[in-house]
Amino acid sequence: MAEEKAYTQAATTGKYDKSSGLLGKYDNVRRFWEDQLTGLFLRSPLNDLVQRKSDRMERLRILDIGCGSGDGLDLIMNVTTKDPGIYEYITAAVTPDVLQSYVGLDLNEELLRQARTCYGDQPKMRFVRGDLSEGLPDVAKSERPFDLYFSSYGTFAHFHDDQSIKIIADICRHAPDRALFVGDWLGRYTYEWQDLWHHPADREYFMDYRISYIYPEEERDNVDVAAFPLRLMCRDEIEGIIQAAAQEAGCEIRTLKYFDRSILIGRHMDTGDYNRHCPKLRHAVNSLFEGYIRTDLESLRVDYAPRKGFEPLNNFFEMFFMSVNTLVDYTIALLENYDGQGGMAGLVPDIKSYYPEPLKAAMQAMRHVIQGVGWLPWGDVRANVIEPQLGYCLRKLEMELQPGTGMGHSLCGIFEIIK
């Protein structure tokens, strides 16, 4: 009876639930692509900030704006100081001894409850409720200044432009000199919602954002899918908000970096809710990162459907997706022609000199990987070694070929506040 009770208790708490990186909020793409890509762009300014604090014998203070279940905390604490050599340990930029205080701010009490359940026993971390619709709330203003004001996964897409200006101006007034601010919006020109490209960029536009992706495909037509308005942005629109906030606060906001996140694998690529031509890429890329599952690599190819009247956008996406296709085709050719002993039994396409440099580097990397490990007899070397590396090479293409102007699911900006 005691044994039965113990296992029943474990099952009812959810601790014994079967989880998969192929589905859900924290799927493989989220963990191995989106969060890591954000961390790679944030690495340099965060390292500089930590070093400045260390030089003054001070610890780091972080405000996570729209923290949800504490997702921003996980992301920040996993930013590394560098790409480690093969013999080195990975070193986090923000270690527990570097952190003085983390405050997570959100309006949703259920998400805050989840965050407190996960992190509530850690004395340096607190989660508080606050409404950002009228600016930075008093519960945050009453805190000592923070060094990093961080938002993630479309937090600022919930607000009208005048609200965003007020929030950012309040942050500037509250912040110390050279604090970092990270803003996160939805990209206006992602392929996921190509049907919405025609809305003029000189006017505020809020899409009707459906969270249909949380349901299995076969259930989506039979459920009442929740939806809410989210603001779509391009870089010029964000720049206008940043300049207006700086003027209102009487300080300078220096742009350090813009980057597009999830050009290839945004969640609505698989739903097709806003573009029926979207290939179901997120599931395929999730499969690349999943152990002991072989991916149909042909499913990673994209037949881009242009939209008439948007030639600059069409030119970018055609170049980007053709680079993806070229890398995928090259990887398939390598696998087909590998001789099992470190060489190639047949002809493999040449890496053309006119290919974009990131594509050439990714193709060379895949050849080295397949020739270097293809002979391993233990485990499924294709599923467990080769395919994840293809996932990382695709991620690198997204990092290095993007313009940072609103082409991805999210458009993020990293800024320094100068006072």
Protein backbone atom coordinates (compact mmCIF):
# COMPACT_ATOMS: atom_id res chain seq x y z
CA MET A 1 0.00 0.00 0.00
CA ALA A 2 2.81 2.41 0.88
CA GLU A 3 4.47 1.72 -2.46
CA GLU A 4 1.21 2.31 -4.34
CA LYS A 5 0.61 5.54 -2.42
CA ALA A 6 4.10 6.80 -3.20
CA TYR A 7 3.79 6.20 -6.94
CA THR A 8 0.27 7.67 -7.02
CA GLN A 9 1.54 10.81 -5.30
CA ALA A 10 4.39 11.13 -7.78
CA ALA A 11 2.03 10.75 -10.73
CA THR A 12 -0.56 13.26 -9.49
CA THR A 13 2.08 15.94 -8.91
CA GLY A 14 3.01 15.79 -12.59
CA LYS A 15 6.59 14.79 -11.83
CA TYR A 16 6.14 11.53 -13.71
CA ASP A 17 4.60 13.13 -16.80
CA LYS A 18 6.17 12.04 -20.06
CA SER A 19 7.77 15.10 -21.64
CA SER A 20 9.16 15.61 -25.11
CA GLY A 21 11.24 18.29 -26.72
CA LEU A 22 9.11 17.94 -29.83
CA LEU A 23 6.14 19.82 -28.35
CA GLY A 24 5.18 22.41 -25.77
CA LYS A 25 6.33 25.79 -24.58
CA TYR A 26 9.82 24.56 -23.74
CA ASP A 27 10.41 22.51 -26.86
CA ASN A 28 13.86 21.86 -28.31
CA VAL A 29 13.71 24.92 -30.56
CA ARG A 30 12.98 27.13 -27.56
CA ARG A 31 15.86 25.69 -25.51
CA PHE A 32 18.52 25.04 -28.13
CA TRP A 33 17.76 27.76 -30.68
CA GLU A 34 15.69 30.73 -29.50
CA ASP A 35 17.02 31.16 -25.95
CA GLN A 36 20.59 30.44 -26.98
CA LEU A 37 20.41 32.82 -29.94
CA THR A 38 19.22 35.61 -27.64
CA GLY A 39 22.03 34.75 -25.25
CA LEU A 40 24.63 34.91 -27.99
CA PHE A 41 23.55 38.42 -29.01
CA LEU A 42 23.36 39.50 -25.35
CA ARG A 43 26.74 38.01 -24.44
CA SER A 44 29.05 40.93 -25.20
CA PRO A 45 27.06 43.78 -23.56
CA LEU A 46 26.21 41.60 -20.56
CA ASN A 47 29.84 40.61 -20.05
CA ASP A 48 30.86 44.28 -20.23
CA LEU A 49 28.21 45.18 -17.66
CA VAL A 50 29.26 42.41 -15.28
CA GLN A 51 32.90 43.46 -15.59
CA ARG A 52 32.08 47.11 -14.79
CA LYS A 53 30.14 46.03 -11.70
CA SER A 54 32.96 43.73 -10.62
CA ASP A 55 35.53 46.53 -11.00
CA ARG A 56 33.45 48.59 -8.55
CA MET A 57 33.04 45.62 -6.18
CA GLU A 58 29.28 45.61 -6.82
CA ARG A 59 26.83 42.89 -7.71
CA LEU A 60 24.28 42.88 -10.53
CA ARG A 61 20.64 43.93 -10.11
CA ILE A 62 18.11 42.69 -12.70
CA LEU A 63 14.48 43.66 -13.38
CA ASP A 64 12.67 41.16 -15.62
CA ILE A 65 9.76 43.02 -17.23
CA GLY A 66 6.94 40.65 -18.10
CA CYS A 67 8.76 37.78 -16.40
CA GLY A 68 5.99 35.18 -16.79
CA SER A 69 7.10 31.97 -15.09
CA GLY A 70 10.65 33.24 -14.71
CA ASP A 71 11.72 32.49 -18.27
CA GLY A 72 13.92 35.58 -18.49
CA LEU A 73 15.86 34.45 -15.43
CA ASP A 74 16.67 31.11 -17.05
CA LEU A 75 17.76 32.84 -20.23
CA ILE A 76 20.02 35.39 -18.51
CA MET A 77 21.65 32.86 -16.19
CA ASN A 78 22.56 30.68 -19.19
CA VAL A 79 24.41 33.41 -21.12
CA THR A 80 28.06 32.37 -21.33
CA THR A 81 31.19 34.49 -21.31
CA LYS A 82 32.51 32.98 -24.54
CA ASP A 83 32.40 29.96 -26.80
CA PRO A 84 34.50 27.56 -24.70
CA GLY A 85 37.30 25.49 -26.14
CA ILE A 86 36.76 21.75 -26.19
CA TYR A 87 38.82 21.34 -23.01
CA GLU A 88 37.13 24.14 -21.01
CA TYR A 89 34.15 24.27 -18.71
CA ILE A 90 31.34 26.58 -19.83
CA THR A 91 31.38 29.73 -17.70
CA ALA A 92 28.17 31.66 -17.09
CA ALA A 93 28.33 35.44 -17.41
CA VAL A 94 26.03 35.83 -14.38
CA THR A 95 26.86 33.35 -11.65
CA PRO A 96 24.95 33.27 -8.33
CA ASP A 97 27.73 35.17 -6.53
CA VAL A 98 27.61 37.93 -9.18
CA LEU A 99 23.87 38.47 -8.69
CA GLN A 100 22.64 40.78 -5.93
CA SER A 101 18.95 40.82 -6.77
CA TYR A 102 16.56 39.60 -9.44
CA VAL A 103 12.99 40.97 -9.47
CA GLY A 104 10.46 39.45 -11.82
CA LEU A 105 7.52 41.71 -12.70
CA ASP A 106 4.31 40.47 -14.31
CA LEU A 107 0.57 41.12 -14.32
CA ASN A 108 -0.53 37.48 -14.43
CA GLU A 109 -0.83 36.05 -10.92
CA GLU A 110 -0.94 32.44 -12.14
CA LEU A 111 2.39 32.83 -13.95
CA LEU A 112 3.86 34.53 -10.88
CA ARG A 113 2.66 31.62 -8.76
CA GLN A 114 4.49 29.22 -11.06
CA ALA A 115 7.63 31.33 -10.85
CA ARG A 116 7.49 31.42 -7.05
CA THR A 117 7.03 27.65 -6.99
CA CYS A 118 10.19 27.21 -9.06
CA TYR A 119 12.39 29.93 -7.52
CA GLY A 120 10.64 31.26 -4.43
CA ASP A 121 13.04 29.69 -1.95
CA GLN A 122 16.04 31.56 -3.39
CA PRO A 123 16.71 34.68 -1.29
CA LYS A 124 18.06 36.82 -4.14
CA MET A 125 14.94 36.34 -6.27
CA ARG A 126 11.48 37.87 -5.92
CA PHE A 127 8.41 37.92 -8.12
CA VAL A 128 5.95 40.81 -7.84
CA ARG A 129 2.72 41.76 -9.54
CA GLY A 130 2.57 45.02 -11.47
CA ASP A 131 0.63 46.63 -14.30
CA LEU A 132 2.82 48.22 -16.99
CA SER A 133 -0.01 49.83 -18.96
CA GLU A 134 0.57 53.22 -17.26
CA GLY A 135 4.37 53.00 -17.20
CA LEU A 136 6.80 51.37 -14.81
CA PRO A 137 4.64 50.54 -11.77
CA ASP A 138 5.36 51.84 -8.27
CA VAL A 139 6.29 48.35 -7.07
CA ALA A 140 9.31 48.57 -9.41
CA LYS A 141 10.02 52.29 -8.94
CA SER A 142 10.28 51.76 -5.19
CA GLU A 143 13.23 49.41 -5.76
CA ARG A 144 16.82 50.58 -5.95
CA PRO A 145 18.01 51.17 -9.55
CA PHE A 146 18.69 48.06 -11.62
CA ASP A 147 21.61 47.41 -13.93
CA LEU A 148 19.67 45.34 -16.45
CA TYR A 149 16.05 45.99 -17.45
CA PHE A 150 15.16 42.90 -19.43
CA SER A 151 12.15 41.76 -21.44
CA SER A 152 11.65 38.71 -23.63
CA TYR A 153 9.21 36.99 -25.96
CA GLY A 154 7.17 39.93 -27.17
CA THR A 155 6.56 41.73 -23.88
CA PHE A 156 6.40 45.18 -25.49
CA ALA A 157 4.08 43.95 -28.26
CA HIS A 158 1.23 44.18 -25.73
CA PHE A 159 1.41 47.99 -25.59
CA HIS A 160 0.51 50.95 -27.76
CA ASP A 161 3.43 53.16 -28.74
CA ASP A 162 2.62 55.89 -26.20
CA GLN A 163 2.56 53.24 -23.46
CA SER A 164 5.93 51.83 -24.58
CA ILE A 165 7.41 55.34 -24.61
CA LYS A 166 6.17 55.91 -21.05
CA ILE A 167 7.54 52.57 -19.79
CA ILE A 168 10.96 53.08 -21.38
CA ALA A 169 11.16 56.71 -20.21
CA ASP A 170 10.33 55.56 -16.66
CA ILE A 171 13.05 52.93 -16.94
CA CYS A 172 15.54 55.62 -18.04
CA ARG A 173 14.63 57.84 -15.09
CA HIS A 174 14.95 54.92 -12.68
CA ALA A 175 18.15 53.45 -14.13
CA PRO A 176 21.75 54.33 -13.28
CA ASP A 177 24.19 55.51 -15.92
CA ARG A 178 25.10 52.82 -18.49
CA ALA A 179 22.35 50.42 -17.47
CA LEU A 180 21.20 47.99 -20.16
CA PHE A 181 17.65 47.80 -21.50
CA VAL A 182 16.52 44.84 -23.63
CA GLY A 183 13.23 45.32 -25.49
CA ASP A 184 11.33 42.57 -27.28
CA TRP A 185 8.58 43.11 -29.89
CA LEU A 186 6.94 40.99 -32.59
CA GLY A 187 8.51 41.37 -36.03
CA ARG A 188 6.35 43.05 -38.64
CA TYR A 189 7.69 41.14 -41.65
CA THR A 190 8.13 37.53 -40.61
CA TYR A 191 7.17 34.92 -43.22
CA GLU A 192 4.81 33.47 -40.58
CA TRP A 193 2.30 36.29 -41.13
CA GLN A 194 2.99 37.25 -44.71
CA ASP A 195 -0.76 37.84 -45.10
CA LEU A 196 -0.36 40.92 -42.86
CA TRP A 197 2.56 42.59 -44.66
CA HIS A 198 0.32 45.10 -46.42
CA HIS A 199 -0.48 47.07 -43.28
CA PRO A 200 1.41 50.42 -43.48
CA ALA A 201 4.51 50.66 -41.28
CA ASP A 202 3.76 54.33 -40.48
CA ARG A 203 0.69 53.31 -38.46
CA GLU A 204 0.28 51.19 -35.36
CA TYR A 205 -0.92 47.74 -36.28
CA PHE A 206 -2.05 45.05 -33.83
CA MET A 207 -2.52 41.55 -35.19
CA ASP A 208 -5.11 39.16 -33.76
CA TYR A 209 -2.60 36.72 -32.27
CA ARG A 210 -3.92 33.16 -31.93
CA ILE A 211 -2.20 30.69 -29.60
CA SER A 212 -3.31 27.78 -31.76
CA TYR A 213 0.18 26.28 -31.61
CA ILE A 214 -0.42 24.95 -28.09
CA TYR A 215 -2.88 22.40 -29.52
CA PRO A 216 -2.01 19.35 -31.63
CA GLU A 217 -2.76 19.97 -35.30
CA GLU A 218 -5.64 17.52 -35.36
CA GLU A 219 -7.40 19.41 -32.52
CA ARG A 220 -7.08 23.01 -33.71
CA ASP A 221 -10.27 23.10 -35.74
CA ASN A 222 -12.30 21.71 -32.83
CA VAL A 223 -11.29 24.08 -30.03
CA ASP A 224 -12.05 27.70 -29.25
CA VAL A 225 -8.53 29.11 -29.68
CA ALA A 226 -7.75 32.09 -27.45
CA ALA A 227 -6.54 35.23 -29.24
CA PHE A 228 -5.40 38.71 -28.23
CA PRO A 229 -3.97 41.82 -29.95
CA LEU A 230 -0.18 42.17 -30.34
CA ARG A 231 1.71 45.06 -31.95
CA LEU A 232 3.87 44.29 -35.00
CA MET A 233 7.05 46.35 -35.35
CA CYS A 234 9.94 47.05 -37.69
CA ARG A 235 13.22 48.64 -36.64
CA ASP A 236 12.30 52.15 -37.76
CA GLU A 237 9.18 52.05 -35.57
CA ILE A 238 11.18 50.94 -32.54
CA GLU A 239 13.77 53.63 -33.19
CA GLY A 240 11.00 56.23 -33.08
CA ILE A 241 9.82 54.91 -29.70
CA ILE A 242 13.36 54.84 -28.32
CA GLN A 243 14.08 58.42 -29.42
CA ALA A 244 10.80 59.69 -27.99
CA ALA A 245 11.48 57.92 -24.67
CA ALA A 246 15.00 59.37 -24.48
CA GLN A 247 13.66 62.86 -25.12
CA GLU A 248 10.95 62.47 -22.49
CA ALA A 249 13.45 61.18 -19.92
CA GLY A 250 16.15 63.70 -20.80
CA CYS A 251 18.88 61.15 -21.44
CA GLU A 252 20.57 59.28 -24.30
CA ILE A 253 19.60 55.74 -25.27
CA ARG A 254 22.40 54.22 -27.30
CA THR A 255 21.51 51.35 -29.63
CA LEU A 256 23.89 48.42 -29.25
CA LYS A 257 22.18 45.76 -31.36
CA TYR A 258 18.97 44.75 -33.10
CA PHE A 259 18.36 41.13 -33.98
CA ASP A 260 15.63 39.02 -35.53
CA ARG A 261 14.74 35.85 -33.64
CA SER A 262 13.00 32.84 -35.19
CA ILE A 263 13.07 33.66 -38.88
CA LEU A 264 13.05 29.98 -39.79
CA ILE A 265 11.20 28.35 -36.93
CA GLY A 266 8.60 30.68 -35.39
CA ARG A 267 5.67 28.84 -33.83
CA HIS A 268 3.19 29.95 -36.48
CA MET A 269 5.27 28.42 -39.26
CA ASP A 270 3.63 25.14 -38.28
CA THR A 271 0.07 26.48 -37.90
CA GLY A 272 -0.16 28.41 -41.16
CA ASP A 273 -2.73 30.68 -39.49
CA TYR A 274 -1.42 33.80 -41.25
CA ASN A 275 0.30 32.31 -44.29
CA ARG A 276 -0.93 29.11 -45.88
CA HIS A 277 2.39 28.70 -47.72
CA CYS A 278 4.41 28.20 -44.53
CA PRO A 279 6.26 24.88 -44.29
CA LYS A 280 5.94 23.05 -40.95
CA LEU A 281 9.54 23.68 -39.97
CA ARG A 282 9.38 23.90 -36.19
CA HIS A 283 8.49 20.24 -35.73
CA ALA A 284 11.25 19.23 -38.15
CA VAL A 285 13.89 21.33 -36.36
CA ASN A 286 12.67 20.04 -32.98
CA SER A 287 13.31 16.57 -34.37
CA LEU A 288 16.91 17.51 -35.26
CA PHE A 289 17.62 18.15 -31.58
CA GLU A 290 15.73 15.10 -30.26
CA GLY A 291 17.83 12.08 -29.28
CA TYR A 292 17.32 8.76 -31.08
CA ILE A 293 14.92 10.25 -33.62
CA ARG A 294 15.97 10.54 -37.25
CA THR A 295 14.56 13.49 -39.16
CA ASP A 296 13.33 13.45 -42.74
CA LEU A 297 15.80 16.10 -43.90
CA GLU A 298 13.75 16.78 -47.02
CA SER A 299 11.09 18.26 -44.69
CA LEU A 300 13.52 21.09 -43.87
CA ARG A 301 13.46 22.47 -47.42
CA VAL A 302 11.47 25.65 -48.09
CA ASP A 303 9.68 26.51 -51.32
CA TYR A 304 9.35 30.23 -50.71
CA ALA A 305 6.16 31.80 -52.06
CA PRO A 306 6.77 35.52 -52.77
CA ARG A 307 4.15 38.19 -52.24
CA LYS A 308 3.67 40.61 -55.09
CA GLY A 309 4.65 44.20 -54.36
CA PHE A 310 7.19 43.43 -51.63
CA GLU A 311 10.36 42.89 -53.64
CA PRO A 312 12.94 43.80 -50.95
CA LEU A 313 11.29 41.36 -48.54
CA ASN A 314 10.98 38.71 -51.24
CA ASN A 315 14.67 39.12 -52.12
CA PHE A 316 15.76 38.62 -48.52
CA PHE A 317 13.59 35.58 -47.86
CA GLU A 318 14.51 33.98 -51.18
CA MET A 319 18.22 34.37 -50.35
CA PHE A 320 17.73 33.12 -46.80
CA PHE A 321 15.61 30.09 -47.62
CA MET A 322 17.78 29.13 -50.61
CA SER A 323 20.76 29.16 -48.25
CA VAL A 324 18.83 26.83 -45.92
CA ASN A 325 17.93 24.55 -48.83
CA THR A 326 21.52 24.48 -50.08
CA LEU A 327 22.82 23.47 -46.65
CA VAL A 328 20.15 20.78 -46.27
CA ASP A 329 20.78 19.38 -49.77
CA TYR A 330 24.52 19.35 -49.13
CA THR A 331 24.03 17.47 -45.86
CA ILE A 332 21.81 14.91 -47.58
CA ALA A 333 24.47 14.42 -50.28
CA LEU A 334 27.16 13.93 -47.63
CA LEU A 335 25.09 11.29 -45.86
CA GLU A 336 24.23 9.50 -49.12
CA ASN A 337 27.86 9.36 -50.25
CA TYR A 338 29.66 8.71 -46.96
CA ASP A 339 31.73 5.53 -47.24
CA GLY A 340 31.70 4.65 -43.54
CA GLN A 341 35.45 5.16 -43.15
CA GLY A 342 35.84 8.94 -43.21
CA GLY A 343 35.61 9.49 -46.95
CA MET A 344 33.07 9.96 -49.71
CA ALA A 345 32.19 7.13 -52.08
CA GLY A 346 30.56 9.40 -54.64
CA LEU A 347 30.48 12.95 -55.83
CA VAL A 348 29.42 15.66 -53.39
CA PRO A 349 28.43 19.11 -54.72
CA ASP A 350 31.09 21.82 -54.61
CA ILE A 351 30.89 24.70 -52.17
CA LYS A 352 30.60 27.59 -54.58
CA SER A 353 32.82 30.63 -54.08
CA TYR A 354 29.87 33.00 -54.53
CA TYR A 355 27.82 31.49 -51.70
CA PRO A 356 27.32 33.75 -48.65
CA GLU A 357 30.19 33.26 -46.20
CA PRO A 358 27.95 31.93 -43.38
CA LEU A 359 26.59 29.29 -45.76
CA LYS A 360 30.07 28.22 -46.85
CA ALA A 361 31.16 27.92 -43.22
CA ALA A 362 28.08 25.84 -42.33
CA MET A 363 28.60 23.49 -45.27
CA GLN A 364 32.25 22.96 -44.36
CA ALA A 365 31.26 22.30 -40.76
CA MET A 366 28.75 19.62 -41.77
CA ARG A 367 31.36 17.89 -43.93
CA HIS A 368 33.84 17.84 -41.05
CA VAL A 369 31.21 16.47 -38.67
CA ILE A 370 30.01 13.68 -40.95
CA GLN A 371 33.50 12.62 -41.96
CA GLY A 372 34.71 12.87 -38.38
CA VAL A 373 32.02 10.87 -36.58
CA GLY A 374 30.12 8.95 -39.25
CA TRP A 375 32.07 5.77 -38.55
CA LEU A 376 31.12 5.61 -34.84
CA PRO A 377 29.39 2.26 -34.20
CA TRP A 378 27.73 3.05 -30.85
CA GLY A 379 24.34 4.68 -30.54
CA ASP A 380 22.65 6.38 -33.47
CA VAL A 381 25.35 8.78 -34.61
CA ARG A 382 23.12 10.42 -37.19
CA ALA A 383 20.29 11.15 -34.76
CA ASN A 384 22.44 12.03 -31.75
CA VAL A 385 25.44 13.85 -33.25
CA ILE A 386 25.02 14.77 -36.90
CA GLU A 387 21.44 16.07 -36.86
CA PRO A 388 21.90 18.34 -33.81
CA GLN A 389 24.92 19.87 -35.52
CA LEU A 390 22.80 20.55 -38.59
CA GLY A 391 20.38 22.33 -36.24
CA TYR A 392 23.17 24.52 -34.90
CA CYS A 393 24.40 25.27 -38.42
CA LEU A 394 20.89 26.38 -39.41
CA ARG A 395 20.77 28.56 -36.30
CA LYS A 396 24.08 30.14 -37.31
CA LEU A 397 22.66 30.94 -40.74
CA GLU A 398 19.78 32.75 -39.04
CA MET A 399 22.20 34.69 -36.84
CA GLU A 400 24.53 35.80 -39.59
CA LEU A 401 22.25 36.32 -42.59
CA GLN A 402 19.55 38.35 -40.84
CA PRO A 403 19.18 42.14 -41.10
CA GLY A 404 17.65 42.78 -37.65
CA THR A 405 14.78 44.79 -39.09
CA GLY A 406 11.67 42.75 -38.24
CA MET A 407 12.02 39.60 -40.38
CA GLY A 408 11.59 37.13 -37.51
CA HIS A 409 8.85 36.17 -35.09
CA SER A 410 10.49 38.61 -32.65
CA LEU A 411 12.51 41.77 -33.17
CA CYS A 412 14.76 42.49 -30.19
CA GLY A 413 16.83 45.51 -29.31
CA ILE A 414 19.70 45.89 -26.84
CA PHE A 415 20.26 49.45 -25.61
CA GLU A 416 22.51 51.31 -23.19
CA ILE A 417 21.11 54.17 -21.11
CA ILE A 418 23.51 57.14 -20.90
CA LYS A 419 22.86 59.77 -18.23
